[in-house]
C-alpha atoms as a PDB file:
ATOM      1  CA  MET A   1       4.929  25.373   8.887  1.00  0.00           C
ATOM      2  CA  ILE A   2       3.040  24.930  12.182  1.00  0.00           C
ATOM      3  CA  GLY A   3       5.479  22.303  13.443  1.00  0.00           C
ATOM      4  CA  MET A   4       8.428  24.643  13.009  1.00  0.00           C
ATOM      5  CA  GLN A   5       6.555  27.503  14.691  1.00  0.00           C
ATOM      6  CA  THR A   6       5.606  25.397  17.712  1.00  0.00           C
ATOM      7  CA  GLY A   7       8.934  23.623  18.008  1.00  0.00           C
ATOM      8  CA  ASP A   8       7.647  20.204  16.916  1.00  0.00           C
ATOM      9  CA  ILE A   9      10.413  19.651  14.369  1.00  0.00           C
ATOM     10  CA  GLU A  10       9.658  15.956  13.872  1.00  0.00           C
ATOM     11  CA  PHE A  11       6.049  16.734  12.970  1.00  0.00           C
ATOM     12  CA  ALA A  12       7.178  19.507  10.614  1.00  0.00           C
ATOM     13  CA  MET A  13       9.636  17.263   8.751  1.00  0.00           C
ATOM     14  CA  ALA A  14       7.068  14.457   8.458  1.00  0.00           C
ATOM     15  CA  ASN A  15       4.633  16.933   6.905  1.00  0.00           C
ATOM     16  CA  ALA A  16       7.378  18.141   4.568  1.00  0.00           C
ATOM     17  CA  TYR A  17       7.918  14.578   3.378  1.00  0.00           C
ATOM     18  CA  HIS A  18       4.204  14.049   2.694  1.00  0.00           C
ATOM     19  CA  TYR A  19       4.079  17.353   0.822  1.00  0.00           C
ATOM     20  CA  LEU A  20       7.014  16.337  -1.388  1.00  0.00           C
ATOM     21  CA  ASN A  21       5.700  12.801  -1.883  1.00  0.00           C
ATOM     22  CA  GLY A  22       2.340  14.176  -2.983  1.00  0.00           C
ATOM     23  CA  GLY A  23       4.066  16.720  -5.204  1.00  0.00           C
ATOM     24  CA  PHE A  24       5.836  13.989  -7.166  1.00  0.00           C
ATOM     25  CA  ILE A  25       2.815  11.714  -7.445  1.00  0.00           C
ATOM     26  CA  PHE A  26       0.406  14.484  -8.460  1.00  0.00           C
ATOM     27  CA  GLY A  27       2.690  15.947 -11.117  1.00  0.00           C
ATOM     28  CA  GLN A  28       4.162  19.063  -9.535  1.00  0.00           C
ATOM     29  CA  SER A  29       6.784  20.773 -11.675  1.00  0.00           C
ATOM     30  CA  LEU A  30       9.937  18.737 -11.178  1.00  0.00           C
ATOM     31  CA  THR A  31      12.040  21.894 -11.332  1.00  0.00           C
ATOM     32  CA  ALA A  32      10.153  23.350  -8.369  1.00  0.00           C
ATOM     33  CA  LEU A  33      10.033  19.976  -6.614  1.00  0.00           C
ATOM     34  CA  GLU A  34      13.795  19.551  -6.902  1.00  0.00           C
ATOM     35  CA  LYS A  35      14.320  22.920  -5.201  1.00  0.00           C
ATOM     36  CA  ASP A  36      11.853  22.054  -2.435  1.00  0.00           C
ATOM     37  CA  VAL A  37      13.495  18.667  -1.878  1.00  0.00           C
ATOM     38  CA  ASP A  38      16.903  20.333  -1.562  1.00  0.00           C
ATOM     39  CA  THR A  39      15.537  22.918   0.895  1.00  0.00           C
ATOM     40  CA  PHE A  40      13.867  20.370   3.162  1.00  0.00           C
ATOM     41  CA  ALA A  41      16.757  17.903   2.911  1.00  0.00           C
ATOM     42  CA  LYS A  42      19.072  20.580   4.309  1.00  0.00           C
ATOM     43  CA  LEU A  43      16.594  21.393   7.096  1.00  0.00           C
ATOM     44  CA  MET A  44      16.306  17.716   8.009  1.00  0.00           C
ATOM     45  CA  VAL A  45      20.078  17.493   8.377  1.00  0.00           C
ATOM     46  CA  GLU A  46      20.272  20.794  10.252  1.00  0.00           C
ATOM     47  CA  TYR A  47      17.654  19.667  12.778  1.00  0.00           C
ATOM     48  CA  LYS A  48      19.044  16.119  12.949  1.00  0.00           C
ATOM     49  CA  GLN A  49      15.896  14.526  11.525  1.00  0.00           C
ATOM     50  CA  MET A  50      17.872  11.804   9.779  1.00  0.00           C
ATOM     51  CA  THR A  51      15.071   9.235   9.623  1.00  0.00           C
ATOM     52  CA  MET A  52      12.995  11.606   7.485  1.00  0.00           C
ATOM     53  CA  ARG A  53      16.117  12.573   5.531  1.00  0.00           C
ATOM     54  CA  HIS A  54      16.627   8.929   4.594  1.00  0.00           C
ATOM     55  CA  VAL A  55      12.944   8.480   3.705  1.00  0.00           C
ATOM     56  CA  LEU A  56      13.229  11.472   1.373  1.00  0.00           C
ATOM     57  CA  LEU A  57      16.037   9.858  -0.661  1.00  0.00           C
ATOM     58  CA  PRO A  58      13.810   7.933  -3.157  1.00  0.00           C
ATOM     59  CA  ILE A  59      11.952  11.112  -4.151  1.00  0.00           C
ATOM     60  CA  GLU A  60      15.218  13.034  -4.400  1.00  0.00           C
ATOM     61  CA  GLU A  61      16.892  10.444  -6.627  1.00  0.00           C
ATOM     62  CA  ALA A  62      13.828   9.854  -8.835  1.00  0.00           C
ATOM     63  CA  THR A  63      13.428  13.585  -9.418  1.00  0.00           C
ATOM     64  CA  ARG A  64      17.118  14.025 -10.182  1.00  0.00           C
ATOM     65  CA  CYS A  65      17.036  11.170 -12.698  1.00  0.00           C
ATOM     66  CA  LEU A  66      13.998  12.498 -14.567  1.00  0.00           C
ATOM     67  CA  VAL A  67      15.354  16.041 -14.712  1.00  0.00           C
ATOM     68  CA  HIS A  68      19.013  15.471 -15.401  1.00  0.00           C
ATOM     69  CA  SER A  69      19.556  12.012 -16.889  1.00  0.00           C
ATOM     70  CA  SER A  70      18.365  10.131 -19.948  1.00  0.00           C
ATOM     71  CA  ASN A  71      19.823   6.935 -18.466  1.00  0.00           C
ATOM     72  CA  PRO A  72      17.610   5.405 -15.732  1.00  0.00           C
ATOM     73  CA  LEU A  73      20.187   2.727 -14.999  1.00  0.00           C
ATOM     74  CA  GLN A  74      22.019   5.297 -12.893  1.00  0.00           C
ATOM     75  CA  LEU A  75      19.044   5.319 -10.516  1.00  0.00           C
ATOM     76  CA  VAL A  76      18.637   1.551 -10.675  1.00  0.00           C
ATOM     77  CA  ASN A  77      22.294   1.059  -9.807  1.00  0.00           C
ATOM     78  CA  GLU A  78      21.816   3.389  -6.846  1.00  0.00           C
ATOM     79  CA  THR A  79      18.862   1.351  -5.528  1.00  0.00           C
ATOM     80  CA  ARG A  80      21.008  -0.978  -3.429  1.00  0.00           C
ATOM     81  CA  ASN A  81      22.648   1.975  -1.694  1.00  0.00           C
ATOM     82  CA  LEU A  82      19.270   3.605  -1.149  1.00  0.00           C
ATOM     83  CA  VAL A  83      17.890   0.447   0.462  1.00  0.00           C
ATOM     84  CA  LYS A  84      20.846   0.384   2.864  1.00  0.00           C
ATOM     85  CA  SER A  85      20.356   4.052   3.695  1.00  0.00           C
ATOM     86  CA  VAL A  86      16.615   4.121   4.397  1.00  0.00           C
ATOM     87  CA  ARG A  87      16.612   1.109   6.784  1.00  0.00           C
ATOM     88  CA  THR A  88      12.862   0.897   7.553  1.00  0.00           C
ATOM     89  CA  LEU A  89      10.363  -1.314   5.711  1.00  0.00           C
ATOM     90  CA  PRO A  90       8.055   1.531   4.526  1.00  0.00           C
ATOM     91  CA  ALA A  91      11.033   3.512   3.239  1.00  0.00           C
ATOM     92  CA  THR A  92      12.476   0.443   1.503  1.00  0.00           C
ATOM     93  CA  CYS A  93       9.082  -0.100  -0.104  1.00  0.00           C
ATOM     94  CA  ALA A  94       9.188   3.522  -1.317  1.00  0.00           C
ATOM     95  CA  VAL A  95      12.635   2.994  -2.851  1.00  0.00           C
ATOM     96  CA  TYR A  96      11.344   0.085  -4.933  1.00  0.00           C
ATOM     97  CA  ALA A  97       8.135   1.940  -5.833  1.00  0.00           C
ATOM     98  CA  TYR A  98       9.823   5.120  -7.042  1.00  0.00           C
ATOM     99  CA  THR A  99      12.576   3.251  -8.866  1.00  0.00           C
ATOM    100  CA  SER A 100      10.043   1.002 -10.622  1.00  0.00           C
ATOM    101  CA  TRP A 101       8.046   4.026 -11.776  1.00  0.00           C
ATOM    102  CA  VAL A 102      11.098   5.782 -13.157  1.00  0.00           C
ATOM    103  CA  SER A 103      12.284   2.568 -14.826  1.00  0.00           C
ATOM    104  CA  TYR A 104       8.891   2.223 -16.494  1.00  0.00           C
ATOM    105  CA  ILE A 105       8.911   5.835 -17.659  1.00  0.00           C
ATOM    106  CA  PHE A 106      12.266   5.145 -19.306  1.00  0.00           C
ATOM    107  CA  CYS A 107      10.862   1.945 -20.901  1.00  0.00           C
ATOM    108  CA  GLU A 108      13.006  -0.420 -18.817  1.00  0.00           C
ATOM    109  CA  TYR A 109      10.091  -2.792 -18.273  1.00  0.00           C
ATOM    110  CA  GLU A 110      11.952  -5.875 -17.043  1.00  0.00           C
ATOM    111  CA  ILE A 111      13.790  -3.836 -14.431  1.00  0.00           C
ATOM    112  CA  ALA A 112      10.524  -2.192 -13.378  1.00  0.00           C
ATOM    113  CA  ALA A 113       8.802  -5.571 -13.004  1.00  0.00           C
ATOM    114  CA  ASP A 114      11.673  -6.927 -10.908  1.00  0.00           C
ATOM    115  CA  LEU A 115      11.432  -3.910  -8.613  1.00  0.00           C
ATOM    116  CA  VAL A 116       7.670  -4.375  -8.214  1.00  0.00           C
ATOM    117  CA  GLN A 117       8.246  -7.960  -7.137  1.00  0.00           C
ATOM    118  CA  LYS A 118      10.879  -6.812  -4.632  1.00  0.00           C
ATOM    119  CA  ARG A 119       8.365  -4.294  -3.282  1.00  0.00           C
ATOM    120  CA  TRP A 120       5.815  -7.085  -2.892  1.00  0.00           C
ATOM    121  CA  GLU A 121       8.291  -9.097  -0.812  1.00  0.00           C
ATOM    122  CA  ILE A 122       8.771  -6.127   1.514  1.00  0.00           C
ATOM    123  CA  GLU A 123       5.011  -5.540   1.747  1.00  0.00           C
ATOM    124  CA  LYS A 124       4.531  -9.099   3.049  1.00  0.00           C
ATOM    125  CA  GLU A 125       6.401  -8.013   6.183  1.00  0.00           C
ATOM    126  CA  MET A 126       4.380  -4.817   6.628  1.00  0.00           C
ATOM    127  CA  GLU A 127       1.158  -4.529   8.618  1.00  0.00           C
ATOM    128  CA  ARG A 128      -0.194  -1.990   6.152  1.00  0.00           C
ATOM    129  CA  LYS A 129       0.740  -1.292   2.544  1.00  0.00           C
ATOM    130  CA  ASN A 130       1.529   2.206   1.311  1.00  0.00           C
ATOM    131  CA  GLU A 131      -0.665   2.682  -1.750  1.00  0.00           C
ATOM    132  CA  PHE A 132       0.860   6.111  -2.502  1.00  0.00           C
ATOM    133  CA  TYR A 133      -2.513   7.831  -2.767  1.00  0.00           C
ATOM    134  CA  ARG A 134      -3.814   4.760  -4.668  1.00  0.00           C
ATOM    135  CA  PHE A 135      -1.483   5.425  -7.587  1.00  0.00           C
ATOM    136  CA  VAL A 136       0.379   2.117  -7.252  1.00  0.00           C
ATOM    137  CA  ALA A 137      -2.243   0.052  -9.087  1.00  0.00           C
ATOM    138  CA  PHE A 138      -1.964   2.252 -12.179  1.00  0.00           C
ATOM    139  CA  TRP A 139       1.816   2.121 -12.454  1.00  0.00           C
ATOM    140  CA  ASP A 140       1.927  -1.576 -11.612  1.00  0.00           C
ATOM    141  CA  GLY A 141      -0.716  -2.250 -14.255  1.00  0.00           C
ATOM    142  CA  LEU A 142       1.276  -0.410 -16.915  1.00  0.00           C
ATOM    143  CA  ILE A 143       4.366  -2.419 -16.042  1.00  0.00           C
ATOM    144  CA  PHE A 144       2.422  -5.680 -16.185  1.00  0.00           C
ATOM    145  CA  VAL A 145       0.859  -5.078 -19.617  1.00  0.00           C
ATOM    146  CA  SER A 146       4.266  -4.141 -20.981  1.00  0.00           C
ATOM    147  CA  MET A 147       5.716  -7.374 -19.612  1.00  0.00           C
ATOM    148  CA  GLU A 148       2.817  -9.381 -21.017  1.00  0.00           C
ATOM    149  CA  ARG A 149       3.533  -7.967 -24.475  1.00  0.00           C
ATOM    150  CA  LYS A 150       7.269  -8.564 -24.096  1.00  0.00           C
ATOM    151  CA  THR A 151       7.165 -12.103 -22.684  1.00  0.00           C
ATOM    152  CA  GLU A 152       3.714 -13.432 -23.699  1.00  0.00           C
ATOM    153  CA  GLN A 153       3.448 -14.960 -20.214  1.00  0.00           C
ATOM    154  CA  ASP A 154      -0.058 -15.344 -18.807  1.00  0.00           C
ATOM    155  CA  LYS A 155       1.018 -14.366 -15.292  1.00  0.00           C
ATOM    156  CA  TRP A 156       1.515 -10.777 -16.363  1.00  0.00           C
ATOM    157  CA  ALA A 157      -1.947 -10.615 -17.949  1.00  0.00           C
ATOM    158  CA  SER A 158      -3.406 -11.876 -14.669  1.00  0.00           C
ATOM    159  CA  CYS A 159      -1.475  -9.254 -12.692  1.00  0.00           C
ATOM    160  CA  ALA A 160      -2.661  -6.518 -15.071  1.00  0.00           C
ATOM    161  CA  LEU A 161      -6.292  -7.594 -14.671  1.00  0.00           C
ATOM    162  CA  ASN A 162      -5.887  -7.452 -10.910  1.00  0.00           C
ATOM    163  CA  ALA A 163      -4.481  -3.912 -11.132  1.00  0.00           C
ATOM    164  CA  LEU A 164      -7.374  -2.867 -13.368  1.00  0.00           C
ATOM    165  CA  SER A 165      -9.820  -4.360 -10.865  1.00  0.00           C
ATOM    166  CA  HIS A 166      -8.275  -2.234  -8.106  1.00  0.00           C
ATOM    167  CA  LEU A 167      -8.666   0.909 -10.208  1.00  0.00           C
ATOM    168  CA  LYS A 168     -12.337   0.163 -10.905  1.00  0.00           C
ATOM    169  CA  HIS A 169     -12.869  -0.456  -7.196  1.00  0.00           C
ATOM    170  CA  TYR A 170     -11.351   2.950  -6.451  1.00  0.00           C
ATOM    171  CA  VAL A 171     -13.903   4.541  -8.782  1.00  0.00           C
ATOM    172  CA  GLU A 172     -16.685   2.845  -6.834  1.00  0.00           C
ATOM    173  CA  ASP A 173     -15.169   4.395  -3.696  1.00  0.00           C
ATOM    174  CA  GLY A 174     -15.417   7.829  -5.312  1.00  0.00           C
ATOM    175  CA  LEU A 175     -11.790   8.369  -6.302  1.00  0.00           C
ATOM    176  CA  SER A 176     -11.531  10.969  -9.072  1.00  0.00           C
ATOM    177  CA  ASN A 177      -8.873  11.317 -11.791  1.00  0.00           C
ATOM    178  CA  THR A 178      -9.141   7.624 -12.642  1.00  0.00           C
ATOM    179  CA  GLU A 179     -10.924   7.503 -16.030  1.00  0.00           C
ATOM    180  CA  HIS A 180      -7.760   7.897 -18.114  1.00  0.00           C
ATOM    181  CA  LYS A 181      -5.956   5.272 -16.062  1.00  0.00           C
ATOM    182  CA  ILE A 182      -8.635   2.663 -16.712  1.00  0.00           C
ATOM    183  CA  LEU A 183      -8.871   3.570 -20.398  1.00  0.00           C
ATOM    184  CA  LEU A 184      -5.106   3.358 -20.869  1.00  0.00           C
ATOM    185  CA  LEU A 185      -4.840  -0.047 -19.208  1.00  0.00           C
ATOM    186  CA  GLU A 186      -7.799  -1.302 -21.235  1.00  0.00           C
ATOM    187  CA  ALA A 187      -6.177   0.039 -24.403  1.00  0.00           C
ATOM    188  CA  GLU A 188      -2.913  -1.745 -23.624  1.00  0.00           C
ATOM    189  CA  MET A 189      -4.763  -4.974 -22.874  1.00  0.00           C
ATOM    190  CA  ALA A 190      -6.729  -4.738 -26.117  1.00  0.00           C
ATOM    191  CA  ARG A 191      -3.474  -4.182 -27.990  1.00  0.00           C
ATOM    192  CA  ASN A 192      -1.992  -7.293 -26.397  1.00  0.00           C
ATOM    193  CA  GLN A 193      -5.057  -9.285 -27.425  1.00  0.00           C
ATOM    194  CA  GLY A 194      -4.824  -8.086 -31.022  1.00  0.00           C
ATOM    195  CA  GLU A 195      -8.062  -6.092 -30.740  1.00  0.00           C
ATOM    196  CA  ILE A 196      -6.749  -3.245 -32.867  1.00  0.00           C
ATOM    197  CA  GLU A 197      -9.922  -1.191 -33.343  1.00  0.00           C
ATOM    198  CA  THR A 198     -10.754  -1.336 -29.651  1.00  0.00           C
ATOM    199  CA  ALA A 199      -7.192  -0.422 -28.707  1.00  0.00           C
ATOM    200  CA  SER A 200      -7.155   2.495 -31.149  1.00  0.00           C
ATOM    201  CA  SER A 201     -10.398   3.886 -29.763  1.00  0.00           C
ATOM    202  CA  LYS A 202      -9.372   3.511 -26.127  1.00  0.00           C
ATOM    203  CA  PHE A 203      -5.920   5.052 -26.634  1.00  0.00           C
ATOM    204  CA  LYS A 204      -7.572   8.118 -28.153  1.00  0.00           C
ATOM    205  CA  LEU A 205     -10.147   8.302 -25.356  1.00  0.00           C
ATOM    206  CA  ALA A 206      -7.428   7.867 -22.719  1.00  0.00           C
ATOM    207  CA  ALA A 207      -5.430  10.784 -24.142  1.00  0.00           C
ATOM    208  CA  VAL A 208      -8.491  13.039 -24.105  1.00  0.00           C
ATOM    209  CA  ALA A 209      -9.426  11.994 -20.558  1.00  0.00           C
ATOM    210  CA  ALA A 210      -5.848  12.474 -19.324  1.00  0.00           C
ATOM    211  CA  SER A 211      -5.803  16.029 -20.676  1.00  0.00           C
ATOM    212  CA  LYS A 212      -8.754  16.878 -18.407  1.00  0.00           C
ATOM    213  CA  ASN A 213      -7.324  15.476 -15.181  1.00  0.00           C
ATOM    214  CA  GLU A 214      -4.296  17.770 -14.709  1.00  0.00           C
ATOM    215  CA  LEU A 215      -1.856  14.964 -13.900  1.00  0.00           C
ATOM    216  CA  ILE A 216       0.781  16.019 -16.359  1.00  0.00           C
ATOM    217  CA  GLN A 217       3.117  13.048 -16.006  1.00  0.00           C
ATOM    218  CA  GLU A 218       0.247  10.612 -16.588  1.00  0.00           C
ATOM    219  CA  GLU A 219      -0.924  12.643 -19.588  1.00  0.00           C
ATOM    220  CA  ALA A 220       2.602  12.423 -21.001  1.00  0.00           C
ATOM    221  CA  ILE A 221       2.747   8.660 -20.451  1.00  0.00           C
ATOM    222  CA  THR A 222      -0.683   8.211 -22.022  1.00  0.00           C
ATOM    223  CA  ASN A 223       0.376  10.083 -25.145  1.00  0.00           C
ATOM    224  CA  GLU A 224       3.628   8.129 -25.394  1.00  0.00           C
ATOM    225  CA  ARG A 225       1.845   4.778 -25.089  1.00  0.00           C
ATOM    226  CA  ALA A 226      -0.730   5.853 -27.696  1.00  0.00           C
ATOM    227  CA  ALA A 227       2.135   6.867 -29.983  1.00  0.00           C
ATOM    228  CA  ASP A 228       3.846   3.495 -29.506  1.00  0.00           C
ATOM    229  CA  PHE A 229       0.632   1.752 -30.502  1.00  0.00           C
ATOM    230  CA  PHE A 230       0.018   3.835 -33.612  1.00  0.00           C
ATOM    231  CA  LEU A 231       3.654   3.479 -34.653  1.00  0.00           C
ATOM    232  CA  SER A 232       3.309  -0.311 -34.387  1.00  0.00           C
ATOM    233  CA  GLN A 233       0.371  -0.047 -36.795  1.00  0.00           C
ATOM    234  CA  GLY A 234       2.271   2.136 -39.257  1.00  0.00           C
ATOM    235  CA  ASP A 235      -0.137   4.982 -38.519  1.00  0.00           C
ATOM    236  CA  SER A 236       1.221   8.523 -38.929  1.00  0.00           C
ATOM    237  CA  GLN A 237      -0.879   9.653 -35.942  1.00  0.00           C
ATOM    238  CA  ALA A 238       2.005   8.302 -33.859  1.00  0.00           C
ATOM    239  CA  PHE A 239       4.113  11.387 -34.421  1.00  0.00           C
ATOM    240  CA  GLN A 240       1.338  13.690 -33.239  1.00  0.00           C
ATOM    241  CA  TYR A 241       1.187  11.759 -29.964  1.00  0.00           C
ATOM    242  CA  TYR A 242       4.979  11.589 -29.596  1.00  0.00           C
ATOM    243  CA  SER A 243       5.192  15.341 -30.095  1.00  0.00           C
ATOM    244  CA  GLU A 244       2.557  15.937 -27.432  1.00  0.00           C
ATOM    245  CA  ALA A 245       4.269  13.533 -25.023  1.00  0.00           C
ATOM    246  CA  HIS A 246       7.574  15.347 -25.542  1.00  0.00           C
ATOM    247  CA  ARG A 247       5.937  18.722 -24.870  1.00  0.00           C
ATOM    248  CA  LEU A 248       4.309  17.410 -21.704  1.00  0.00           C
ATOM    249  CA  TYR A 249       7.511  15.869 -20.356  1.00  0.00           C
ATOM    250  CA  LEU A 250       9.259  19.206 -20.815  1.00  0.00           C
ATOM    251  CA  GLN A 251       6.353  21.022 -19.165  1.00  0.00           C
ATOM    252  CA  TRP A 252       6.589  18.616 -16.221  1.00  0.00           C
ATOM    253  CA  GLY A 253      10.296  19.383 -15.997  1.00  0.00           C
ATOM    254  CA  ALA A 254      11.457  15.876 -16.991  1.00  0.00           C
ATOM    255  CA  LYS A 255      14.153  17.075 -19.383  1.00  0.00           C
ATOM    256  CA  GLY A 256      16.045  13.798 -19.070  1.00  0.00           C
ATOM    257  CA  LYS A 257      12.995  11.806 -20.117  1.00  0.00           C
ATOM    258  CA  ALA A 258      12.261  14.206 -22.983  1.00  0.00           C
ATOM    259  CA  GLU A 259      15.798  13.642 -24.251  1.00  0.00           C
ATOM    260  CA  HIS A 260      15.349   9.879 -23.861  1.00  0.00           C
ATOM    261  CA  LEU A 261      12.164  10.019 -25.948  1.00  0.00           C
ATOM    262  CA  CYS A 262      13.946  11.869 -28.743  1.00  0.00           C
ATOM    263  CA  LYS A 263      16.695   9.243 -28.770  1.00  0.00           C
ATOM    264  CA  ARG A 264      14.226   6.354 -28.701  1.00  0.00           C
ATOM    265  CA  ILE A 265      11.977   7.747 -31.420  1.00  0.00           C
ATOM    266  CA  PRO A 266      13.570  10.445 -33.637  1.00  0.00           C
ATOM    267  CA  PHE A 267      10.236  12.057 -34.454  1.00  0.00           C
END
C-alpha cells in the first residue's frame, strides 16, 4: 500500500476501508473478506487509527453474521452498540445500511425497513448521502416490495417505485450491472399486483441476467426470490431456484445464510 510505504498511515487505512467496503458490496468471497477485515482491523489498532477502526465495524459484523450465524437478530441486537462505537454520521449511516441488508437477506423485512428509515433520519443531517456505489436503491427497493406484500400499505409501493426510478436513472448514466436489479424489482412488483405471468417471466429473466453480472450475492438473492414466487404458485420450479440460491450462498461464503435457507425451506 502506497500510504504505508510513504508513511501516510491515515491515507492507507482509509484506502483499506474503501477496499473492504467495495469487497462486500461487489460480492468478494466472504471467507477472504473476513480475513482481510481482521488483518486491517489489527493494523488500524496498531497504528492508532481508531476512527477508521470504528468505521470498519459494520462490515466486520455483517460479514461475521453471514458466515457464522443463521440468526440475524444477533447483528440487529448489536446495532445499538455499533452506533455508539462509530460516532460519526457517515459511519452511523453505514451501520444502518449494512444491518438492513443483512436483515433483508435473512428475510427479516420489518427489521430491515425500520433500519432503512433510521438511515434516512441520519441522512437528513448529512450534506451528502453515501450511496454505497449506487447499490442502496436496489436493496432498499427489495425491502420495500417485501413490506408492500406483507402489509399491503401503499406507502411501500410508492417507495419501491422511487427506488426503481433511481435504478433506471443509473442506467441512463451508464452504470453497468443493473439489468438484473431492475428485472427483479419489476418481478416483485408484478407479483404484488397479481400479474402472475409477467412476474414469472421477469423472475426468470432476472435470474439469467444476474448470472451474467458476476455479483454473486445478488445472483443468490435473485434465485431465492424467484424460488419464493414459484413456491407461492405451487410450481415445482421453486426447488431448482432454491437449490441454485443455496449453492451461490455457499460459493459466496455465506454459510450462515445457506443454513438459514435450509431451515426456512427444507428443499
